[in-house]
Protein backbone atom coordinates (compact mmCIF):
# COMPACT_ATOMS: atom_id res chain seq x y z
CA MET A 1 0.09 0.15 0.05
CA ALA A 2 1.62 3.45 -0.71
CA GLY A 3 0.64 6.14 1.34
CA VAL A 4 2.29 9.66 1.52
CA GLY A 5 6.06 9.70 2.06
CA SER A 6 6.12 5.79 2.13
CA VAL A 7 8.37 3.05 0.55
CA VAL A 8 6.93 2.04 -2.12
CA ASP A 9 8.04 -1.65 -3.52
CA VAL A 10 9.06 -0.48 -7.48
CA GLN A 11 7.89 -2.98 -10.06
CA GLY A 12 9.25 -3.38 -13.44
CA THR A 13 12.93 -3.73 -15.20
CA VAL A 14 15.48 -1.44 -16.22
CA ALA A 15 18.15 -2.25 -18.93
CA ASP A 16 21.68 -2.15 -17.57
CA GLY A 17 22.72 1.57 -17.10
CA PHE A 18 19.52 2.85 -16.34
CA GLU A 19 19.47 1.74 -12.57
CA PRO A 20 19.42 5.70 -11.88
CA VAL A 21 16.09 6.02 -13.22
CA ARG A 22 14.84 3.45 -11.14
CA ASP A 23 16.30 5.01 -8.06
CA ALA A 24 14.34 8.09 -8.99
CA PHE A 25 11.02 6.61 -9.66
CA ALA A 26 11.07 4.86 -5.94
CA ALA A 27 12.15 7.82 -4.03
CA ASN A 28 9.48 9.67 -5.61
CA PHE A 29 7.24 8.25 -3.37
CA THR A 30 9.08 9.00 -0.33
CA ARG A 31 10.40 12.77 -1.58
CA HIS A 32 7.49 14.17 -3.78
CA GLY A 33 4.24 12.36 -2.06
CA GLU A 34 3.84 9.99 -5.21
CA ARG A 35 0.73 7.61 -4.89
CA GLY A 36 0.55 5.81 -8.25
CA ALA A 37 2.54 5.90 -11.18
CA ALA A 38 4.16 4.35 -13.72
CA MET A 39 7.13 5.37 -16.21
CA VAL A 40 8.51 3.71 -19.54
CA LEU A 41 11.65 4.87 -21.50
CA TYR A 42 12.01 3.36 -25.27
CA ARG A 43 15.65 3.93 -26.86
CA GLU A 44 16.18 3.52 -30.63
CA GLY A 45 12.74 1.79 -30.69
CA GLU A 46 13.38 -1.14 -28.09
CA LYS A 47 12.26 -0.37 -24.12
CA VAL A 48 14.82 0.02 -21.68
CA VAL A 49 12.90 1.21 -18.60
CA ASP A 50 9.31 0.15 -17.44
CA LEU A 51 8.66 0.62 -14.02
CA TRP A 52 5.14 1.01 -11.77
CA GLY A 53 4.28 1.04 -8.17
CA GLY A 54 1.69 2.50 -5.76
CA THR A 55 -1.76 2.44 -5.80
CA LYS A 56 -4.30 2.60 -8.33
CA THR A 57 -7.18 4.01 -6.17
CA PRO A 58 -6.54 6.53 -3.82
CA ASP A 59 -5.43 5.40 -0.16
CA ASP A 60 -9.21 6.52 1.51
CA ASP A 61 -11.12 5.17 -1.35
CA GLY A 62 -11.92 2.23 0.63
CA GLY A 63 -12.74 -0.16 -2.10
CA SER A 64 -15.71 2.74 -3.11
CA GLY A 65 -14.57 3.46 -6.75
CA PRO A 66 -16.62 2.45 -9.76
CA GLU A 67 -13.63 0.13 -10.42
CA ALA A 68 -12.66 -1.28 -6.89
CA CYS A 69 -13.25 -4.23 -5.38
CA GLY A 70 -13.40 -3.35 -1.94
CA GLY A 71 -11.00 -3.91 0.76
CA GLY A 72 -8.61 -1.11 0.29
CA PRO A 73 -7.11 0.48 -2.41
CA GLU A 74 -5.97 -1.40 -5.37
CA PRO A 75 -2.47 -1.62 -6.28
CA TRP A 76 -0.98 -0.31 -9.73
CA THR A 77 -0.29 -3.37 -11.90
CA GLN A 78 1.48 -3.37 -15.22
CA ASP A 79 -1.53 -2.79 -17.34
CA THR A 80 -3.31 0.15 -15.51
CA ALA A 81 -4.21 2.87 -17.61
CA GLN A 82 -4.60 6.58 -16.65
CA VAL A 83 -6.34 10.06 -17.86
CA VAL A 84 -2.94 12.01 -18.77
CA ARG A 85 -5.02 15.20 -18.99
CA SER A 86 -2.94 17.53 -21.66
CA VAL A 87 -0.93 14.80 -22.26
CA THR A 88 -3.26 14.09 -24.78
CA LYS A 89 -2.60 17.21 -26.71
CA GLY A 90 0.47 15.68 -28.03
CA VAL A 91 -1.04 12.68 -29.19
CA ALA A 92 -3.98 14.48 -30.50
CA ALA A 93 -1.96 16.92 -32.15
CA ALA A 94 0.38 13.64 -34.17
CA VAL A 95 -3.16 13.71 -36.28
CA PRO A 96 -3.28 16.80 -38.29
CA LEU A 97 0.27 16.51 -38.92
CA LEU A 98 -0.30 13.05 -40.29
CA LEU A 99 -3.18 14.58 -42.45
CA HIS A 100 -0.61 16.90 -43.95
CA GLN A 101 1.90 14.41 -44.60
CA ARG A 102 -0.72 12.33 -46.38
CA GLY A 103 -1.96 15.52 -48.30
CA GLN A 104 -5.31 15.77 -46.98
CA LEU A 105 -4.59 18.93 -44.85
CA ASP A 106 -2.72 22.09 -45.30
CA LEU A 107 -1.05 23.78 -42.27
CA ASP A 108 -0.87 26.98 -43.93
CA GLY A 109 -4.57 26.98 -44.96
CA ARG A 110 -7.43 28.77 -43.37
CA VAL A 111 -9.21 27.01 -40.60
CA SER A 112 -12.48 28.45 -42.26
CA THR A 113 -11.76 26.40 -45.76
CA TYR A 114 -12.30 23.38 -43.88
CA TRP A 115 -14.90 24.52 -41.28
CA PRO A 116 -16.76 27.72 -42.99
CA GLU A 117 -18.69 28.50 -39.71
CA PHE A 118 -15.13 28.96 -37.75
CA LYS A 119 -14.37 32.15 -39.64
CA ALA A 120 -17.25 34.51 -37.67
CA ALA A 121 -16.33 37.09 -35.30
CA GLY A 122 -12.93 37.99 -36.91
CA LYS A 123 -11.40 34.67 -37.17
CA GLU A 124 -11.74 34.25 -40.96
CA ARG A 125 -7.72 34.43 -41.34
CA VAL A 126 -6.90 31.77 -38.91
CA LEU A 127 -4.75 29.26 -40.34
CA VAL A 128 -4.36 25.44 -39.48
CA ARG A 129 -0.95 26.02 -38.42
CA HIS A 130 -2.34 28.77 -35.60
CA LEU A 131 -4.44 26.55 -34.21
CA LEU A 132 -1.56 24.13 -33.28
CA ALA A 133 0.60 26.65 -31.98
CA HIS A 134 -2.02 27.85 -29.71
CA ARG A 135 -2.23 31.54 -31.88
CA THR A 136 -5.68 31.25 -32.42
CA GLY A 137 -6.60 33.71 -29.84
CA VAL A 138 -9.44 31.63 -28.61
CA PRO A 139 -8.12 30.35 -25.36
CA VAL A 140 -11.53 31.17 -23.36
CA LEU A 141 -15.20 31.03 -23.92
CA ASP A 142 -17.12 34.11 -22.93
CA THR A 143 -19.63 31.52 -21.72
CA PRO A 144 -18.45 28.69 -20.53
CA LEU A 145 -19.83 25.09 -21.12
CA THR A 146 -21.28 22.56 -18.32
CA PRO A 147 -19.35 19.36 -18.22
CA ALA A 148 -22.20 17.76 -20.32
CA GLU A 149 -22.14 20.20 -22.81
CA ALA A 150 -18.31 19.96 -23.10
CA VAL A 151 -18.97 16.11 -24.06
CA ASP A 152 -21.61 16.16 -26.38
CA GLY A 153 -19.52 16.99 -29.44
CA ILE A 154 -21.93 19.93 -30.56
CA SER A 155 -21.97 22.78 -27.79
CA GLY A 156 -17.88 23.00 -27.80
CA PRO A 157 -17.50 23.23 -31.40
CA ARG A 158 -20.59 26.00 -31.68
CA ALA A 159 -19.08 27.87 -28.99
CA VAL A 160 -15.33 28.26 -30.06
CA ALA A 161 -16.73 28.98 -33.67
CA ALA A 162 -18.97 31.44 -32.43
CA GLN A 163 -16.09 33.36 -29.88
CA ARG A 164 -14.59 36.58 -30.41
CA PRO A 165 -10.73 35.83 -30.16
CA VAL A 166 -9.33 37.98 -27.30
CA TRP A 167 -6.16 38.71 -29.36
CA GLU A 168 -5.98 39.33 -33.30
CA PRO A 169 -4.93 35.65 -34.66
CA GLY A 170 -1.63 34.93 -35.55
CA THR A 171 -0.11 37.86 -33.67
CA ALA A 172 0.58 36.44 -29.92
CA HIS A 173 -0.07 33.11 -28.22
CA GLY A 174 -1.44 31.67 -25.29
CA TYR A 175 -2.02 28.36 -23.91
CA HIS A 176 -5.52 26.90 -25.44
CA ALA A 177 -5.99 24.40 -22.10
CA GLN A 178 -9.76 23.51 -22.88
CA THR A 179 -10.77 24.77 -26.22
CA TYR A 180 -7.56 22.76 -27.88
CA SER A 181 -10.67 20.11 -27.67
CA TRP A 182 -13.35 21.68 -29.96
CA LEU A 183 -10.95 23.47 -32.15
CA LEU A 184 -8.77 20.19 -32.97
CA GLY A 185 -11.68 17.80 -32.61
CA GLU A 186 -13.94 19.84 -35.10
CA LEU A 187 -10.84 20.75 -37.80
CA VAL A 188 -10.27 16.60 -37.94
CA ARG A 189 -14.02 15.69 -38.13
CA ARG A 190 -14.30 18.06 -41.04
CA VAL A 191 -11.54 16.72 -42.80
CA THR A 192 -11.89 13.28 -42.68
CA GLY A 193 -15.51 12.65 -41.68
CA ARG A 194 -14.27 10.87 -38.52
CA THR A 195 -14.00 11.97 -34.64
CA ILE A 196 -10.54 12.63 -33.88
CA GLY A 197 -10.95 9.41 -31.38
CA ARG A 198 -11.78 7.16 -33.95
CA TRP A 199 -9.21 8.33 -36.03
CA ILE A 200 -6.41 7.71 -33.43
CA ALA A 201 -7.97 4.47 -32.68
CA GLU A 202 -7.91 2.96 -36.28
CA GLU A 203 -4.84 4.76 -37.56
CA ILE A 204 -2.18 5.05 -34.72
CA ALA A 205 -3.36 3.01 -31.74
CA ARG A 206 -4.42 0.05 -33.31
CA PRO A 207 -1.44 -0.16 -35.49
CA LEU A 208 1.14 0.14 -33.30
CA GLY A 209 -0.63 -2.04 -30.52
CA LEU A 210 -1.33 1.10 -28.03
CA ASP A 211 -3.59 0.91 -25.03
CA LEU A 212 -4.65 4.55 -25.63
CA TRP A 213 -7.76 5.84 -26.35
CA LEU A 214 -9.60 9.10 -26.46
CA GLY A 215 -13.15 7.95 -25.68
CA LEU A 216 -12.65 5.16 -23.35
CA PRO A 217 -14.78 1.85 -24.18
CA GLU A 218 -16.78 0.60 -21.38
CA GLU A 219 -14.78 -2.62 -21.24
CA GLN A 220 -11.67 -0.96 -20.60
CA ARG A 221 -12.69 1.13 -17.13
CA GLY A 222 -11.59 -1.45 -14.79
CA ARG A 223 -8.37 -0.78 -15.81
CA VAL A 224 -8.20 3.03 -15.21
CA GLY A 225 -6.60 4.52 -12.12
CA ARG A 226 -8.24 7.23 -10.08
CA ILE A 227 -7.45 10.69 -10.26
CA ALA A 228 -6.92 12.31 -6.60
CA ALA A 229 -5.00 15.23 -5.43
CA VAL A 230 -1.76 14.45 -3.42
CA GLU A 231 0.26 16.97 -1.03
CA ALA A 232 3.77 17.84 -2.15
CA LEU A 233 6.05 16.86 1.16
CA ALA A 234 9.20 19.22 2.27
CA ALA A 235 11.83 18.34 0.30
CA PRO A 236 15.36 18.28 2.20
CA ALA A 237 17.80 20.97 1.56
CA ALA A 238 20.40 18.21 -0.23
CA HIS A 239 17.51 17.81 -3.17
CA GLY A 240 16.73 21.63 -3.62
CA PRO A 241 14.45 23.93 -2.30
CA ARG A 242 10.83 24.06 -2.81
CA LEU A 243 9.48 25.92 -6.08
CA ARG A 244 7.06 28.26 -5.39
CA PRO A 245 5.05 30.14 -8.34
CA LYS A 246 6.05 33.80 -9.07
CA ARG A 247 3.78 36.49 -7.86
CA SER A 248 2.50 37.07 -11.38
CA VAL A 249 1.48 33.78 -11.98
CA ALA A 250 -0.02 33.06 -8.48
CA GLU A 251 -1.90 36.25 -9.16
CA ALA A 252 -3.46 35.25 -12.89
CA TYR A 253 -4.54 31.97 -11.25
CA ARG A 254 -6.54 34.04 -8.46
CA ASP A 255 -7.79 36.67 -10.67
CA PRO A 256 -10.95 35.34 -12.13
CA GLU A 257 -11.15 37.84 -15.17
CA SER A 258 -7.58 36.84 -16.07
CA LEU A 259 -7.18 34.56 -18.96
CA THR A 260 -5.50 32.40 -16.93
CA ARG A 261 -8.63 31.30 -15.13
CA ARG A 262 -11.02 31.85 -17.68
CA ALA A 263 -9.19 29.63 -19.96
CA PHE A 264 -8.93 26.70 -17.37
CA ALA A 265 -12.68 27.90 -16.67
CA ALA A 266 -14.02 27.02 -20.22
CA ILE A 267 -15.84 24.00 -18.74
CA THR A 268 -17.09 25.10 -15.62
CA PRO A 269 -17.54 23.77 -12.93
CA VAL A 270 -14.16 21.73 -13.16
CA PRO A 271 -15.37 18.27 -14.58
CA ASP A 272 -15.08 14.84 -12.41
CA GLU A 273 -12.23 13.23 -14.44
CA ASN A 274 -13.16 10.26 -12.54
CA ASP A 275 -16.64 10.26 -14.35
CA PRO A 276 -17.14 7.31 -16.77
CA ALA A 277 -19.11 9.75 -19.16
CA TYR A 278 -16.05 11.93 -19.06
CA LEU A 279 -13.45 8.98 -19.96
CA ALA A 280 -15.90 8.20 -22.55
CA ALA A 281 -15.78 11.65 -24.06
CA GLU A 282 -13.33 12.65 -27.10
CA LEU A 283 -11.30 15.77 -25.39
CA PRO A 284 -8.08 15.91 -27.25
CA ALA A 285 -7.40 18.62 -24.75
CA SER A 286 -7.34 16.42 -21.56
CA GLY A 287 -9.35 13.25 -21.90
CA GLY A 288 -6.83 10.58 -23.19
CA VAL A 289 -6.36 7.53 -21.30
CA ALA A 290 -3.04 5.73 -21.84
CA THR A 291 -0.62 3.26 -20.55
CA ALA A 292 3.26 4.89 -20.07
CA GLU A 293 3.71 1.94 -22.34
CA ALA A 294 1.66 3.53 -24.73
CA LEU A 295 2.88 6.76 -24.45
CA ALA A 296 6.71 6.27 -24.64
CA ARG A 297 5.96 3.84 -27.63
CA PHE A 298 3.99 6.75 -29.54
CA TYR A 299 6.32 8.66 -29.28
CA ALA A 300 9.40 6.41 -30.10
CA ALA A 301 7.14 5.75 -33.21
CA LEU A 302 7.26 9.50 -34.09
CA ILE A 303 10.70 9.26 -34.53
CA GLY A 304 11.41 6.11 -35.67
CA PRO A 305 10.37 2.59 -36.64
CA LEU A 306 9.46 0.16 -34.25
CA PRO A 307 10.34 -3.21 -35.09
CA SER A 308 7.13 -5.02 -33.47
CA ALA A 309 4.62 -2.23 -34.78
CA ARG A 310 1.75 -3.69 -36.52
CA THR A 311 1.95 -1.76 -39.36
CA ALA A 312 3.37 -1.74 -43.06
CA ARG A 313 3.28 2.01 -43.06
CA SER A 314 6.88 3.33 -42.85
CA GLY A 315 7.99 0.41 -41.27
CA GLY A 316 6.32 1.47 -37.53
CA ARG A 317 7.45 4.75 -38.19
CA LEU A 318 4.83 7.47 -37.91
CA PHE A 319 6.49 10.77 -38.53
CA ALA A 320 8.40 11.34 -42.08
CA PRO A 321 11.55 13.33 -41.38
CA ALA A 322 9.85 16.59 -42.93
CA THR A 323 7.07 15.91 -40.62
CA LEU A 324 8.90 15.42 -37.72
CA THR A 325 11.01 18.91 -38.40
CA MET A 326 7.66 20.68 -38.76
CA ALA A 327 6.41 19.17 -35.46
CA ARG A 328 9.46 20.61 -33.13
CA THR A 329 10.17 23.65 -35.19
CA GLU A 330 9.33 26.41 -33.06
CA GLU A 331 6.50 28.49 -34.04
CA SER A 332 5.14 30.31 -30.60
CA ALA A 333 8.23 31.60 -28.12
CA GLY A 334 7.83 34.21 -25.41
CA PRO A 335 5.44 35.57 -22.78
CA ASP A 336 2.13 33.14 -22.63
CA ARG A 337 -0.69 35.45 -22.41
CA VAL A 338 -2.80 32.43 -20.46
CA LEU A 339 0.25 30.75 -18.64
CA VAL A 340 2.30 34.01 -17.80
CA VAL A 341 5.48 32.37 -18.33
CA GLY A 342 7.61 32.14 -21.37
CA THR A 343 6.37 29.25 -23.29
CA ARG A 344 7.78 27.25 -26.51
CA TYR A 345 5.46 25.62 -29.11
CA GLY A 346 6.30 23.49 -32.18
CA LEU A 347 3.08 22.51 -34.25
CA GLY A 348 1.04 21.12 -31.49
CA TYR A 349 3.77 19.86 -29.19
CA MET A 350 5.55 21.98 -26.34
CA LEU A 351 9.31 22.32 -26.62
CA HIS A 352 12.08 22.27 -24.39
CA GLY A 353 12.97 25.50 -22.18
CA PRO A 354 12.83 26.72 -19.10
CA ALA A 355 8.71 26.55 -18.56
CA CYS A 356 8.82 22.87 -19.63
CA PRO A 357 12.03 21.19 -19.52
CA LEU A 358 12.64 17.96 -21.25
CA LEU A 359 15.80 16.03 -22.14
CA GLY A 360 17.62 18.51 -24.69
CA PRO A 361 17.15 21.02 -27.06
CA GLY A 362 15.78 18.84 -29.60
CA SER A 363 13.03 17.34 -27.32
CA PHE A 364 9.08 17.54 -28.55
CA GLY A 365 6.20 16.76 -26.59
CA HIS A 366 3.54 17.39 -23.81
CA PRO A 367 3.12 17.53 -20.45
CA GLY A 368 -0.46 17.33 -18.18
CA ARG A 369 -1.64 19.62 -15.71
CA GLY A 370 -0.84 17.52 -12.69
CA GLY A 371 1.95 15.47 -13.30
CA SER A 372 2.11 13.20 -16.37
CA LEU A 373 4.89 13.91 -19.21
CA ALA A 374 5.41 12.14 -22.47
CA PHE A 375 8.14 13.36 -25.09
CA ALA A 376 10.56 12.50 -27.79
CA ASP A 377 14.48 13.13 -28.56
CA PRO A 378 15.48 12.47 -31.88
CA GLU A 379 19.08 12.98 -30.87
CA ALA A 380 19.06 10.66 -27.90
CA ARG A 381 16.38 8.46 -29.70
CA ILE A 382 14.16 8.29 -27.21
CA GLY A 383 10.45 7.87 -26.51
CA PHE A 384 9.73 8.61 -22.73
CA ALA A 385 6.28 8.28 -20.70
CA TYR A 386 5.84 9.06 -16.99
CA VAL A 387 1.84 9.16 -15.74
CA THR A 388 0.47 9.54 -12.46
CA ASN A 389 -2.86 9.47 -10.50
CA GLY A 390 -1.68 11.80 -8.14
CA MET A 391 -2.39 15.64 -9.03
CA ARG A 392 -0.37 18.05 -8.01
CA ARG A 393 -0.61 21.70 -8.40
CA GLY A 394 1.04 23.32 -11.72
CA VAL A 395 0.92 22.59 -15.31
CA THR A 396 4.15 22.68 -17.12
CA ALA A 397 6.86 21.13 -14.68
CA ASP A 398 6.13 18.41 -12.06
CA PRO A 399 9.34 17.34 -9.92
CA ARG A 400 8.60 13.96 -9.95
CA ALA A 401 8.35 14.07 -13.77
CA GLN A 402 11.24 16.44 -13.97
CA ALA A 403 13.52 14.08 -11.65
CA LEU A 404 12.67 10.76 -13.67
CA VAL A 405 13.99 13.48 -16.86
CA ARG A 406 17.36 14.22 -15.16
CA ALA A 407 17.52 10.34 -14.52
CA VAL A 408 17.27 9.59 -18.19
CA ARG A 409 19.73 12.36 -18.82
CA THR A 410 22.51 11.28 -16.33
CA SER A 411 21.57 7.06 -17.91
CA LEU A 412 22.01 8.52 -21.12
CA ALA A 413 25.45 10.38 -20.29
CA ALA A 414 27.17 7.94 -18.21
CA ARG A 415 26.39 5.09 -21.27
CA GLU A 416 28.25 7.47 -23.63
CA ALA A 417 31.05 8.32 -21.48
């Protein structure tokens, strides 16, 4: 049983040289209040780290969750899946890039070419690449959606199509925390005739053998860990000081009129992310469910072939070299009007930088608010994924994920020394 600050019996394997990753993963339970988590690393198409530990359900759940069997919290197992919040954005971003790669979508075309209603309220010149790089100017909704409206497939697209931008599209960037769901989802539906969840299932998850869903099937509910908040533990001085947000960031989150608060409140009240209806919805901004194995394998497939991939397309590699270059070429950088820190985005992916530290300058991927993180680094030839059900405050640089990234960096450096 995993409790706050407890020692956990970590399960899984690491290849020779990656023992620091196991140590960092185990330390997250004692130093950072981890509850239940998994971490997987692929290198050159092969899995070299596969770790899990802790509990799938909160310690105080008492078996009362919809998937619990009674008798206290359930242990996290190798096949436990987890809602990964904004890590989903990185998976969803692959869809328009692959559509472009296949000649079905022009990244420099206007969104309204594919979705005529979207040109309303001054958005007629919004380009597809603006949408992917968080430059559309529609991170908020003047009238937030209810949780039921957010998942009905109609209200969200209608709301973002009618919304007037809060800055001139293309002139600035700001994190589209929730509205990204309906912007991207509706664009994909208009281009392909399929929902984005179905497209991911048929074109990515199934061919690559991924336990990854945007729209969780009912029969998979029992595998999903339950999200619950965890409190940060006071870190010993030897491990660095506790990080606190800058005053301007903290103020932005407190101010109900700020773009920050309004962006995250585009669905009001806050939805229950353990609700089966939420898990079954197709919300590419925040609603994906996946195992760490699936996410690491996905990112590994973006940058290189997977020997065991069940697909004839490019030997299991998803991105052609030109697409990979576009994905991680900087489109937006500098002050983020929503997150109130300096951020960097490629086409749909966050890039390495102070606000979102990844492995190195060439890394691209996406964090999830509360902790989870997945990314690729073509130079190091890795796909990395960490998922957790212990949600902490923070959006882009969770200390648990960062401890694992540092351990991977240390391991790779030692192997190359």
